Amino acid sequence: MSKNHLTYNQAIEILELQQNATTDEIKLAYRRLAKKYHPDIYKLDNGEKFKSISQAYEFLNQNPYPPIQSLKNSRPNSGSHSKHEYRKRAYFEKKRKKQAEEKAQKEQMFKWLFKKIKPILIIFLLFNITLAIDFLRPYQNQKVRVIKIKTDYFRSRNYSSTKKVYDYALLLDNGNKFRIGTNEISVINIGKTLELKRTSIFQEPIKLKISDDNYLIPEYGLFQIFGLLIPVNLLLIIVFFRFLKNNDIKLTIALLLIITTLIQLFLFIL
């Protein structure tokens, strides 16, 4: 039976429910019957029962309350039961209309919001694709000289200890900043010439060669530690555009992408 020809009473009967069943009862009934009559389990009707259950659930998902025929022209009978039934049906009809209006308003809000967000996410996509290409391309080798050693900040490895652990930033004559920890600072002197490996597009430092078999790697950066954000962001953007239908989940993914990309931009300009 086509869902376009289903009625409320037929859909309720298919899901083995009573009239005025709640949305939670409808969901539970659908899950129970869909599991019972799934084509992989119930093989007697080539999936027809499962199809009718799905159509009934989809109908009730959009029309969860029993319809009222011409409320304005109807008159309740004198009996108290008829008056109660009339008020009950009127209440459900009013509630259904209110929920339909709220759903339509929410859909319009999401439509407007995603129209604004999508161009931003496309920019984020291009940015992360460029980062991935930059990381995978052959690195540039450049002779650089340390012109200044700056103390970035310090942190204590043990809160009960007064010993501080410092992090340093090497300022190089090519404009790059290379962050190292306390253990590495002893092998660096101002004026020392070293060989720097950096990316070819964004010029991000990757390694600093201080001897034939000794390299320093930055403590953190766009590609160190936070480099994991690149594949994560690419995956989330693809999921957002191609697979997600639920607007609430799409909004959560979009907000997460904004946060992670802002972290990348902060590291990029730092």
Protein backbone atom coordinates (compact mmCIF):
# COMPACT_ATOMS: atom_id res chain seq x y z
CA MET A 1 0.00 0.00 0.00
CA SER A 2 1.39 3.38 -0.96
CA LYS A 3 1.96 5.74 1.93
CA ASN A 4 0.10 8.41 -0.05
CA HIS A 5 -3.09 6.30 0.33
CA LEU A 6 -2.57 5.42 3.98
CA THR A 7 -4.89 6.78 6.62
CA TYR A 8 -4.14 7.39 10.27
CA ASN A 9 -6.25 4.41 11.35
CA GLN A 10 -4.57 2.09 8.84
CA ALA A 11 -1.08 3.18 9.92
CA ILE A 12 -1.98 2.70 13.59
CA GLU A 13 -3.35 -0.76 12.85
CA ILE A 14 -0.22 -1.80 10.91
CA LEU A 15 1.96 -0.82 13.88
CA GLU A 16 -0.46 -2.62 16.26
CA LEU A 17 -1.19 0.53 18.27
CA GLN A 18 -4.21 2.27 19.75
CA GLN A 19 -5.47 5.67 18.61
CA ASN A 20 -3.74 8.67 20.19
CA ALA A 21 -0.53 6.69 20.65
CA THR A 22 2.37 8.90 21.66
CA THR A 23 5.38 9.51 19.41
CA ASP A 24 7.52 7.39 21.77
CA GLU A 25 5.03 4.51 21.50
CA ILE A 26 5.08 4.83 17.71
CA LYS A 27 8.90 4.66 17.65
CA LEU A 28 9.00 1.65 19.98
CA ALA A 29 6.38 -0.20 17.95
CA TYR A 30 8.25 0.49 14.72
CA ARG A 31 11.56 -0.74 16.11
CA ARG A 32 9.94 -3.90 17.49
CA LEU A 33 8.08 -4.78 14.29
CA ALA A 34 10.88 -3.73 11.94
CA LYS A 35 13.23 -6.06 13.77
CA LYS A 36 10.68 -8.89 13.73
CA TYR A 37 9.76 -8.56 10.04
CA HIS A 38 13.11 -7.53 8.61
CA PRO A 39 13.65 -9.30 5.24
CA ASP A 40 16.80 -10.97 6.56
CA ILE A 41 14.72 -12.64 9.30
CA TYR A 42 11.15 -12.88 7.93
CA LYS A 43 11.35 -14.40 4.45
CA LEU A 44 7.71 -15.34 3.77
CA ASP A 45 6.56 -12.26 1.82
CA ASN A 46 9.68 -10.89 0.10
CA GLY A 47 9.83 -7.92 2.47
CA GLU A 48 6.25 -6.66 1.89
CA LYS A 49 5.39 -6.63 5.59
CA PHE A 50 8.57 -4.73 6.40
CA LYS A 51 7.80 -2.23 3.64
CA SER A 52 4.28 -1.58 4.95
CA ILE A 53 5.63 -1.13 8.50
CA SER A 54 8.18 1.41 7.25
CA GLN A 55 5.50 3.28 5.28
CA ALA A 56 3.17 3.35 8.28
CA TYR A 57 5.94 4.68 10.53
CA GLU A 58 6.88 7.35 8.02
CA PHE A 59 3.21 8.40 7.75
CA LEU A 60 2.79 8.59 11.54
CA ASN A 61 6.08 10.40 11.91
CA GLN A 62 4.58 13.20 9.81
CA ASN A 63 0.99 12.79 11.09
CA PRO A 64 1.24 11.60 14.71
CA TYR A 65 -2.25 12.67 15.76
CA PRO A 66 -5.70 11.52 14.58
CA PRO A 67 -7.32 13.93 12.10
CA ILE A 68 -10.48 15.90 12.83
CA GLN A 69 -13.18 16.18 10.22
CA SER A 70 -14.52 19.74 10.05
CA LEU A 71 -14.22 20.75 13.67
CA LYS A 72 -15.98 24.03 13.06
CA ASN A 73 -19.11 22.36 11.74
CA SER A 74 -19.17 19.48 14.19
CA ARG A 75 -21.29 19.61 17.34
CA PRO A 76 -20.68 17.44 20.35
CA ASN A 77 -23.53 15.25 21.49
CA SER A 78 -25.15 15.89 24.82
CA GLY A 79 -23.46 12.94 26.43
CA SER A 80 -20.45 13.67 28.64
CA HIS A 81 -18.39 11.01 26.84
CA SER A 82 -18.97 12.68 23.45
CA LYS A 83 -18.05 16.10 24.85
CA HIS A 84 -14.87 14.69 26.33
CA GLU A 85 -13.97 13.00 23.05
CA TYR A 86 -14.64 16.23 21.16
CA ARG A 87 -12.36 18.24 23.49
CA LYS A 88 -9.69 15.56 23.33
CA ARG A 89 -9.66 15.50 19.53
CA ALA A 90 -9.64 19.31 19.42
CA TYR A 91 -6.66 19.36 21.77
CA PHE A 92 -4.68 16.90 19.65
CA GLU A 93 -5.49 18.79 16.46
CA LYS A 94 -4.32 22.07 18.01
CA LYS A 95 -1.18 20.38 19.30
CA ARG A 96 -0.50 18.83 15.88
CA LYS A 97 -0.84 22.19 14.13
CA LYS A 98 1.43 23.87 16.67
CA GLN A 99 4.11 21.20 16.27
CA ALA A 100 3.83 21.40 12.48
CA GLU A 101 4.32 25.19 12.63
CA GLU A 102 7.30 24.85 14.98
CA LYS A 103 8.83 22.18 12.74
CA ALA A 104 8.40 24.40 9.67
CA GLN A 105 9.98 27.37 11.48
CA LYS A 106 12.90 25.20 12.60
CA GLU A 107 13.41 23.90 9.07
CA GLN A 108 13.47 27.48 7.75
CA MET A 109 16.00 28.47 10.41
CA PHE A 110 18.28 25.55 9.52
CA LYS A 111 17.92 26.32 5.80
CA TRP A 112 18.98 29.94 6.36
CA LEU A 113 21.80 28.96 8.72
CA PHE A 114 23.30 26.29 6.44
CA LYS A 115 23.11 28.69 3.50
CA LYS A 116 25.47 30.98 5.45
CA ILE A 117 27.68 28.19 6.80
CA LYS A 118 28.28 26.21 3.60
CA PRO A 119 30.54 28.81 1.88
CA ILE A 120 32.64 28.98 5.07
CA LEU A 121 32.98 25.19 5.16
CA ILE A 122 34.03 25.16 1.50
CA ILE A 123 36.82 27.61 2.40
CA PHE A 124 37.79 25.33 5.31
CA LEU A 125 37.83 22.38 2.89
CA LEU A 126 40.16 24.15 0.46
CA PHE A 127 42.40 25.26 3.34
CA ASN A 128 42.76 21.72 4.69
CA ILE A 129 43.32 20.25 1.22
CA THR A 130 46.12 22.77 0.71
CA LEU A 131 47.58 21.86 4.11
CA ALA A 132 47.53 18.16 3.20
CA ILE A 133 49.23 18.85 -0.15
CA ASP A 134 51.82 21.04 1.57
CA PHE A 135 52.61 18.32 4.10
CA LEU A 136 52.92 15.59 1.44
CA ARG A 137 55.06 17.56 -1.00
CA PRO A 138 58.89 17.35 -0.80
CA TYR A 139 60.29 19.67 1.84
CA GLN A 140 62.63 22.58 1.16
CA ASN A 141 66.11 22.56 2.70
CA GLN A 142 67.51 25.90 3.77
CA LYS A 143 70.56 27.06 5.70
CA VAL A 144 69.41 29.29 8.56
CA ARG A 145 71.02 31.11 11.45
CA VAL A 146 69.65 31.46 14.97
CA ILE A 147 69.35 35.19 15.68
CA LYS A 148 67.50 35.04 19.00
CA ILE A 149 66.34 32.56 21.62
CA LYS A 150 63.07 33.56 23.25
CA THR A 151 61.47 31.99 26.32
CA ASP A 152 57.90 31.27 25.31
CA TYR A 153 56.54 30.06 28.65
CA PHE A 154 57.31 27.68 31.47
CA ARG A 155 55.37 24.85 33.05
CA SER A 156 55.94 22.64 36.04
CA ARG A 157 55.87 18.91 35.43
CA ASN A 158 55.02 18.38 39.10
CA TYR A 159 52.79 20.83 40.92
CA SER A 160 54.45 19.94 44.23
CA SER A 161 57.86 20.80 42.79
CA THR A 162 59.34 24.27 42.44
CA LYS A 163 61.34 23.17 39.41
CA LYS A 164 60.13 24.85 36.22
CA VAL A 165 60.37 23.43 32.71
CA TYR A 166 60.82 26.08 30.03
CA ASP A 167 59.80 26.07 26.39
CA TYR A 168 61.81 28.15 23.95
CA ALA A 169 61.32 29.65 20.52
CA LEU A 170 64.29 29.92 18.17
CA LEU A 171 63.95 32.98 15.94
CA LEU A 172 65.65 32.22 12.63
CA ASP A 173 67.02 34.71 10.11
CA ASN A 174 64.50 33.57 7.46
CA GLY A 175 61.56 34.65 9.63
CA ASN A 176 60.60 31.20 10.92
CA LYS A 177 60.04 30.45 14.58
CA PHE A 178 61.08 27.00 15.83
CA ARG A 179 59.78 25.84 19.24
CA ILE A 180 61.89 23.49 21.36
CA GLY A 181 61.92 22.25 24.94
CA THR A 182 64.40 22.48 27.81
CA ASN A 183 66.27 19.31 26.83
CA GLU A 184 67.12 20.67 23.37
CA ILE A 185 68.19 24.20 24.28
CA SER A 186 71.64 23.08 25.44
CA VAL A 187 72.72 22.26 21.86
CA ILE A 188 71.65 25.62 20.40
CA ASN A 189 73.63 28.86 20.41
CA ILE A 190 72.80 32.28 18.99
CA GLY A 191 74.54 32.72 15.65
CA LYS A 192 74.76 29.00 14.97
CA THR A 193 74.03 27.96 11.37
CA LEU A 194 71.69 25.01 10.94
CA GLU A 195 69.78 23.26 8.15
CA LEU A 196 66.00 23.71 8.22
CA LYS A 197 63.46 21.48 6.52
CA ARG A 198 60.20 23.31 5.86
CA THR A 199 57.10 22.93 3.71
CA SER A 200 57.07 24.52 0.28
CA ILE A 201 53.67 26.28 0.39
CA PHE A 202 53.16 27.61 3.91
CA GLN A 203 56.87 27.50 4.84
CA GLU A 204 56.10 25.66 8.08
CA PRO A 205 59.22 24.32 9.87
CA ILE A 206 59.35 20.51 10.06
CA LYS A 207 62.86 19.62 11.22
CA LEU A 208 66.04 21.41 12.23
CA LYS A 209 69.28 19.55 11.51
CA ILE A 210 71.93 20.25 14.13
CA SER A 211 74.36 17.46 13.14
CA ASP A 212 74.67 14.63 10.63
CA ASP A 213 72.36 12.30 12.54
CA ASN A 214 70.58 14.65 14.93
CA TYR A 215 67.36 16.53 14.18
CA LEU A 216 65.13 18.71 16.31
CA ILE A 217 61.36 18.55 15.81
CA PRO A 218 59.08 21.39 16.96
CA GLU A 219 57.21 20.79 20.22
CA TYR A 220 53.94 21.60 18.49
CA GLY A 221 52.71 23.33 15.36
CA LEU A 222 50.40 23.22 12.37
CA PHE A 223 51.75 19.78 11.38
CA GLN A 224 53.08 18.57 14.75
CA ILE A 225 50.44 17.23 17.18
CA PHE A 226 47.70 19.36 15.63
CA GLY A 227 48.40 17.85 12.21
CA LEU A 228 45.80 15.22 13.10
CA LEU A 229 43.17 17.95 12.64
CA ILE A 230 43.77 17.93 8.86
CA PRO A 231 42.34 14.44 8.09
CA VAL A 232 39.70 14.87 10.81
CA ASN A 233 38.47 18.14 9.29
CA LEU A 234 38.46 16.71 5.77
CA LEU A 235 36.44 13.71 6.93
CA LEU A 236 33.94 15.86 8.85
CA ILE A 237 33.40 18.20 5.89
CA ILE A 238 32.75 15.26 3.54
CA VAL A 239 30.32 13.74 6.05
CA PHE A 240 28.56 17.12 6.42
CA PHE A 241 27.99 17.58 2.69
CA ARG A 242 27.40 14.00 1.54
CA PHE A 243 25.95 11.85 4.29
CA LEU A 244 24.22 13.81 7.07
CA LYS A 245 20.47 14.41 6.92
CA ASN A 246 19.76 15.25 10.56
CA ASN A 247 19.96 19.04 10.91
CA ASP A 248 20.88 18.99 14.61
CA ILE A 249 23.86 16.71 13.95
CA LYS A 250 24.88 18.81 10.92
CA LEU A 251 24.89 21.94 13.08
CA THR A 252 27.02 20.19 15.73
CA ILE A 253 29.51 19.07 13.06
CA ALA A 254 29.63 22.60 11.60
CA LEU A 255 30.37 24.15 15.02
CA LEU A 256 33.07 21.53 15.66
CA LEU A 257 34.66 22.33 12.28
CA ILE A 258 34.67 26.04 13.06
CA ILE A 259 36.46 25.38 16.38
CA THR A 260 39.09 23.01 14.93
CA THR A 261 39.80 25.28 11.95
CA LEU A 262 40.18 28.30 14.24
CA ILE A 263 42.82 26.28 16.13
CA GLN A 264 44.60 25.66 12.81
CA LEU A 265 44.44 29.34 11.86
CA PHE A 266 45.79 30.32 15.29
CA LEU A 267 48.76 27.97 14.83
CA PHE A 268 49.24 29.26 11.29
CA ILE A 269 49.62 32.91 12.36
CA LEU A 270 51.34 32.17 15.68
